[in-house]
Amino acid sequence: MEDEILKQEKESAEKFAEKYSGRAGFVLNPDREIRNTVIEGLARNKIKYGVRYCPCRRVEGKPEEDKKKICPCFWHKEEIERDGHCHCVLFFKKK
C-alpha cells in the first residue's frame, strides 16, 4: 500500500514538473537519475506534509515561511536566471 502511494505521488509530481516547466519556459533536468531523486523527494514531502516542499529546502514548521518552499519555490526563477538551474536542479534554463 505504501509503495503504491509513493508511486502515485511520484507520477503526479513528474506530471506537475513537466507541465510547469513547459508553461514557465524551463526544461527539466536531462539527467534522469537526478531528476528521479528530486521527484521522489517532492513525492515524499507531499505524503509527509501534504504539499510538495522542495527537497532541497528545510521545512521549519513555520507555515508562513515554509509556504515559500513549496515547489516551485519562491527563489527558483532567480536561481535559474543566476545559475542556469534551480537549487534542487529540477528546472533548468532553456539553452
N, C-alpha and C. Protein backbone atom coordinates (compact mmCIF):
# COMPACT_ATOMS: atom_id res chain seq x y z
N MET A 1 0.82 -1.20 0.00
CA MET A 1 0.00 0.00 0.00
C MET A 1 0.86 1.26 0.00
N GLU A 2 1.87 1.30 0.87
CA GLU A 2 2.74 2.46 0.96
C GLU A 2 3.51 2.69 -0.33
N ASP A 3 3.98 1.60 -0.95
CA ASP A 3 4.70 1.71 -2.21
C ASP A 3 3.81 2.27 -3.32
N GLU A 4 2.55 1.87 -3.32
CA GLU A 4 1.60 2.35 -4.32
C GLU A 4 1.34 3.85 -4.16
N ILE A 5 1.22 4.29 -2.91
CA ILE A 5 1.01 5.72 -2.65
C ILE A 5 2.21 6.52 -3.13
N LEU A 6 3.42 6.05 -2.82
CA LEU A 6 4.63 6.74 -3.27
C LEU A 6 4.69 6.76 -4.80
N LYS A 7 4.38 5.65 -5.43
CA LYS A 7 4.39 5.58 -6.89
C LYS A 7 3.43 6.60 -7.49
N GLN A 8 2.22 6.67 -6.94
CA GLN A 8 1.22 7.62 -7.43
C GLN A 8 1.68 9.06 -7.24
N GLU A 9 2.25 9.35 -6.08
CA GLU A 9 2.74 10.71 -5.81
C GLU A 9 3.90 11.07 -6.73
N LYS A 10 4.77 10.13 -7.01
CA LYS A 10 5.89 10.39 -7.92
C LYS A 10 5.37 10.69 -9.32
N GLU A 11 4.40 9.92 -9.78
CA GLU A 11 3.80 10.17 -11.10
C GLU A 11 3.15 11.55 -11.15
N SER A 12 2.45 11.89 -10.09
CA SER A 12 1.79 13.20 -10.01
C SER A 12 2.83 14.33 -10.01
N ALA A 13 3.90 14.17 -9.24
CA ALA A 13 4.95 15.19 -9.16
C ALA A 13 5.65 15.35 -10.51
N GLU A 14 5.89 14.25 -11.19
CA GLU A 14 6.53 14.29 -12.52
C GLU A 14 5.65 15.04 -13.52
N LYS A 15 4.37 14.73 -13.53
CA LYS A 15 3.43 15.42 -14.44
C LYS A 15 3.39 16.91 -14.13
N PHE A 16 3.31 17.23 -12.84
CA PHE A 16 3.31 18.63 -12.43
C PHE A 16 4.56 19.35 -12.95
N ALA A 17 5.74 18.74 -12.72
CA ALA A 17 7.00 19.35 -13.12
C ALA A 17 7.07 19.53 -14.63
N GLU A 18 6.60 18.55 -15.38
CA GLU A 18 6.60 18.66 -16.84
C GLU A 18 5.72 19.81 -17.30
N LYS A 19 4.51 19.87 -16.76
CA LYS A 19 3.58 20.94 -17.15
C LYS A 19 4.12 22.30 -16.74
N TYR A 20 4.60 22.41 -15.52
CA TYR A 20 5.09 23.70 -15.04
C TYR A 20 6.29 24.16 -15.87
N SER A 21 7.23 23.28 -16.10
CA SER A 21 8.43 23.69 -16.84
C SER A 21 8.07 24.18 -18.24
N GLY A 22 7.13 23.52 -18.88
CA GLY A 22 6.69 23.95 -20.21
C GLY A 22 6.03 25.32 -20.19
N ARG A 23 5.14 25.54 -19.22
CA ARG A 23 4.45 26.83 -19.11
C ARG A 23 5.42 27.96 -18.75
N ALA A 24 6.39 27.65 -17.91
CA ALA A 24 7.31 28.68 -17.41
C ALA A 24 8.49 28.92 -18.35
N GLY A 25 8.65 28.08 -19.36
CA GLY A 25 9.76 28.26 -20.29
C GLY A 25 11.06 27.64 -19.81
N PHE A 26 10.98 26.66 -18.94
CA PHE A 26 12.15 25.95 -18.45
C PHE A 26 12.16 24.54 -19.03
N VAL A 27 13.21 23.81 -18.76
CA VAL A 27 13.27 22.39 -19.10
C VAL A 27 13.60 21.62 -17.83
N LEU A 28 13.19 20.37 -17.81
CA LEU A 28 13.53 19.52 -16.66
C LEU A 28 14.97 19.04 -16.79
N ASN A 29 15.55 18.72 -15.67
CA ASN A 29 16.92 18.21 -15.64
C ASN A 29 17.03 17.03 -16.60
N PRO A 30 17.95 17.09 -17.55
CA PRO A 30 18.07 15.98 -18.51
C PRO A 30 18.68 14.72 -17.89
N ASP A 31 19.31 14.84 -16.73
CA ASP A 31 19.87 13.68 -16.05
C ASP A 31 18.73 12.96 -15.33
N ARG A 32 18.27 11.89 -15.91
CA ARG A 32 17.09 11.18 -15.42
C ARG A 32 17.25 10.70 -13.97
N GLU A 33 18.44 10.25 -13.59
CA GLU A 33 18.67 9.76 -12.24
C GLU A 33 18.51 10.88 -11.21
N ILE A 34 19.10 12.03 -11.49
CA ILE A 34 18.98 13.17 -10.58
C ILE A 34 17.53 13.66 -10.54
N ARG A 35 16.92 13.75 -11.71
CA ARG A 35 15.52 14.19 -11.78
C ARG A 35 14.63 13.26 -10.96
N ASN A 36 14.83 11.96 -11.06
CA ASN A 36 14.03 11.00 -10.30
C ASN A 36 14.23 11.17 -8.80
N THR A 37 15.46 11.48 -8.39
CA THR A 37 15.74 11.70 -6.97
C THR A 37 14.96 12.90 -6.45
N VAL A 38 14.95 13.99 -7.23
CA VAL A 38 14.22 15.20 -6.82
C VAL A 38 12.72 14.92 -6.81
N ILE A 39 12.23 14.25 -7.84
CA ILE A 39 10.80 13.92 -7.92
C ILE A 39 10.39 13.06 -6.72
N GLU A 40 11.22 12.10 -6.35
CA GLU A 40 10.90 11.27 -5.20
C GLU A 40 10.86 12.11 -3.92
N GLY A 41 11.77 13.05 -3.80
CA GLY A 41 11.77 13.95 -2.64
C GLY A 41 10.50 14.77 -2.57
N LEU A 42 10.05 15.27 -3.72
CA LEU A 42 8.78 16.01 -3.77
C LEU A 42 7.62 15.12 -3.34
N ALA A 43 7.61 13.89 -3.85
CA ALA A 43 6.53 12.95 -3.53
C ALA A 43 6.53 12.60 -2.04
N ARG A 44 7.69 12.35 -1.49
CA ARG A 44 7.78 12.00 -0.06
C ARG A 44 7.33 13.19 0.81
N ASN A 45 7.68 14.39 0.40
CA ASN A 45 7.24 15.57 1.15
C ASN A 45 5.73 15.75 1.06
N LYS A 46 5.16 15.44 -0.09
CA LYS A 46 3.70 15.54 -0.24
C LYS A 46 3.03 14.55 0.70
N ILE A 47 3.56 13.34 0.79
CA ILE A 47 2.99 12.33 1.68
C ILE A 47 3.15 12.77 3.14
N LYS A 48 4.32 13.27 3.49
CA LYS A 48 4.61 13.64 4.87
C LYS A 48 3.91 14.92 5.32
N TYR A 49 3.94 15.96 4.46
CA TYR A 49 3.46 17.28 4.86
C TYR A 49 2.15 17.71 4.19
N GLY A 50 1.77 17.01 3.13
CA GLY A 50 0.55 17.38 2.42
C GLY A 50 0.77 18.36 1.28
N VAL A 51 2.00 18.82 1.09
CA VAL A 51 2.36 19.70 -0.02
C VAL A 51 3.74 19.28 -0.54
N ARG A 52 4.04 19.70 -1.75
CA ARG A 52 5.32 19.35 -2.38
C ARG A 52 6.40 20.37 -2.02
N TYR A 53 6.91 20.26 -0.81
CA TYR A 53 8.05 21.11 -0.46
C TYR A 53 9.26 20.68 -1.28
N CYS A 54 10.04 21.66 -1.71
CA CYS A 54 11.27 21.34 -2.43
C CYS A 54 12.16 20.49 -1.52
N PRO A 55 12.68 19.39 -2.03
CA PRO A 55 13.50 18.53 -1.18
C PRO A 55 14.84 19.15 -0.79
N CYS A 56 15.20 20.23 -1.44
CA CYS A 56 16.47 20.89 -1.12
C CYS A 56 16.30 21.98 -0.06
N ARG A 57 15.11 22.16 0.44
CA ARG A 57 14.82 23.19 1.45
C ARG A 57 14.44 22.53 2.77
N ARG A 58 14.75 23.16 3.86
CA ARG A 58 14.42 22.64 5.18
C ARG A 58 13.07 23.20 5.63
N VAL A 59 12.16 22.31 5.95
CA VAL A 59 10.85 22.70 6.45
C VAL A 59 10.99 22.98 7.95
N GLU A 60 10.60 24.19 8.35
CA GLU A 60 10.81 24.65 9.72
C GLU A 60 9.59 24.50 10.62
N GLY A 61 8.43 24.23 10.01
CA GLY A 61 7.22 24.17 10.82
C GLY A 61 6.60 25.53 11.06
N LYS A 62 7.05 26.52 10.30
CA LYS A 62 6.50 27.87 10.37
C LYS A 62 5.76 28.11 9.06
N PRO A 63 4.43 27.95 9.08
CA PRO A 63 3.65 27.96 7.84
C PRO A 63 3.93 29.12 6.90
N GLU A 64 4.06 30.31 7.41
CA GLU A 64 4.27 31.48 6.53
C GLU A 64 5.62 31.40 5.82
N GLU A 65 6.66 30.99 6.53
CA GLU A 65 7.98 30.86 5.92
C GLU A 65 8.05 29.63 5.03
N ASP A 66 7.47 28.53 5.48
CA ASP A 66 7.53 27.28 4.73
C ASP A 66 6.76 27.36 3.42
N LYS A 67 5.76 28.23 3.35
CA LYS A 67 4.98 28.38 2.12
C LYS A 67 5.89 28.70 0.93
N LYS A 68 6.97 29.43 1.17
CA LYS A 68 7.90 29.80 0.11
C LYS A 68 8.68 28.59 -0.43
N LYS A 69 8.65 27.48 0.30
CA LYS A 69 9.45 26.30 -0.04
C LYS A 69 8.66 25.26 -0.83
N ILE A 70 7.41 25.58 -1.17
CA ILE A 70 6.59 24.68 -1.97
C ILE A 70 7.04 24.81 -3.43
N CYS A 71 7.26 23.68 -4.07
CA CYS A 71 7.73 23.66 -5.46
C CYS A 71 6.63 24.17 -6.39
N PRO A 72 6.96 25.06 -7.31
CA PRO A 72 8.23 25.74 -7.49
C PRO A 72 8.42 26.80 -6.40
N CYS A 73 9.55 26.76 -5.77
CA CYS A 73 9.79 27.61 -4.61
C CYS A 73 9.90 29.09 -4.99
N PHE A 74 9.84 29.90 -3.99
CA PHE A 74 9.89 31.36 -4.13
C PHE A 74 11.15 31.82 -4.89
N TRP A 75 12.25 31.11 -4.72
CA TRP A 75 13.55 31.55 -5.24
C TRP A 75 13.93 30.95 -6.59
N HIS A 76 13.12 30.03 -7.13
CA HIS A 76 13.58 29.25 -8.29
C HIS A 76 13.87 30.09 -9.52
N LYS A 77 13.07 31.09 -9.81
CA LYS A 77 13.31 31.90 -11.01
C LYS A 77 14.62 32.67 -10.90
N GLU A 78 14.87 33.24 -9.75
CA GLU A 78 16.13 33.95 -9.52
C GLU A 78 17.32 33.00 -9.66
N GLU A 79 17.21 31.81 -9.09
CA GLU A 79 18.30 30.83 -9.17
C GLU A 79 18.54 30.37 -10.60
N ILE A 80 17.47 30.14 -11.35
CA ILE A 80 17.61 29.71 -12.74
C ILE A 80 18.27 30.81 -13.55
N GLU A 81 17.87 32.03 -13.34
CA GLU A 81 18.48 33.16 -14.06
C GLU A 81 19.96 33.29 -13.72
N ARG A 82 20.28 33.15 -12.46
CA ARG A 82 21.66 33.33 -12.00
C ARG A 82 22.55 32.12 -12.30
N ASP A 83 22.03 30.90 -12.02
CA ASP A 83 22.86 29.70 -12.07
C ASP A 83 22.56 28.79 -13.26
N GLY A 84 21.46 29.05 -13.94
CA GLY A 84 21.06 28.19 -15.05
C GLY A 84 20.14 27.06 -14.62
N HIS A 85 19.93 26.91 -13.31
CA HIS A 85 19.04 25.88 -12.77
C HIS A 85 18.62 26.29 -11.37
N CYS A 86 17.53 25.69 -10.91
CA CYS A 86 17.09 25.96 -9.54
C CYS A 86 17.98 25.19 -8.57
N HIS A 87 17.87 25.51 -7.30
CA HIS A 87 18.74 24.94 -6.28
C HIS A 87 18.69 23.41 -6.24
N CYS A 88 17.51 22.84 -6.41
CA CYS A 88 17.41 21.38 -6.34
C CYS A 88 17.67 20.72 -7.70
N VAL A 89 18.00 21.49 -8.68
CA VAL A 89 18.36 21.08 -10.05
C VAL A 89 17.25 20.31 -10.77
N LEU A 90 16.01 20.65 -10.49
CA LEU A 90 14.90 20.06 -11.23
C LEU A 90 14.63 20.85 -12.50
N PHE A 91 14.60 22.19 -12.38
CA PHE A 91 14.30 23.04 -13.53
C PHE A 91 15.57 23.73 -14.03
N PHE A 92 15.72 23.75 -15.34
CA PHE A 92 16.88 24.38 -15.98
C PHE A 92 16.42 25.43 -16.97
N LYS A 93 17.27 26.39 -17.20
CA LYS A 93 17.06 27.41 -18.21
C LYS A 93 17.18 26.75 -19.58
N LYS A 94 16.30 27.13 -20.48
CA LYS A 94 16.42 26.64 -21.86
C LYS A 94 17.65 27.22 -22.50
N LYS A 95 18.34 26.42 -23.28
CA LYS A 95 19.55 26.90 -23.94
C LYS A 95 19.24 27.45 -25.28
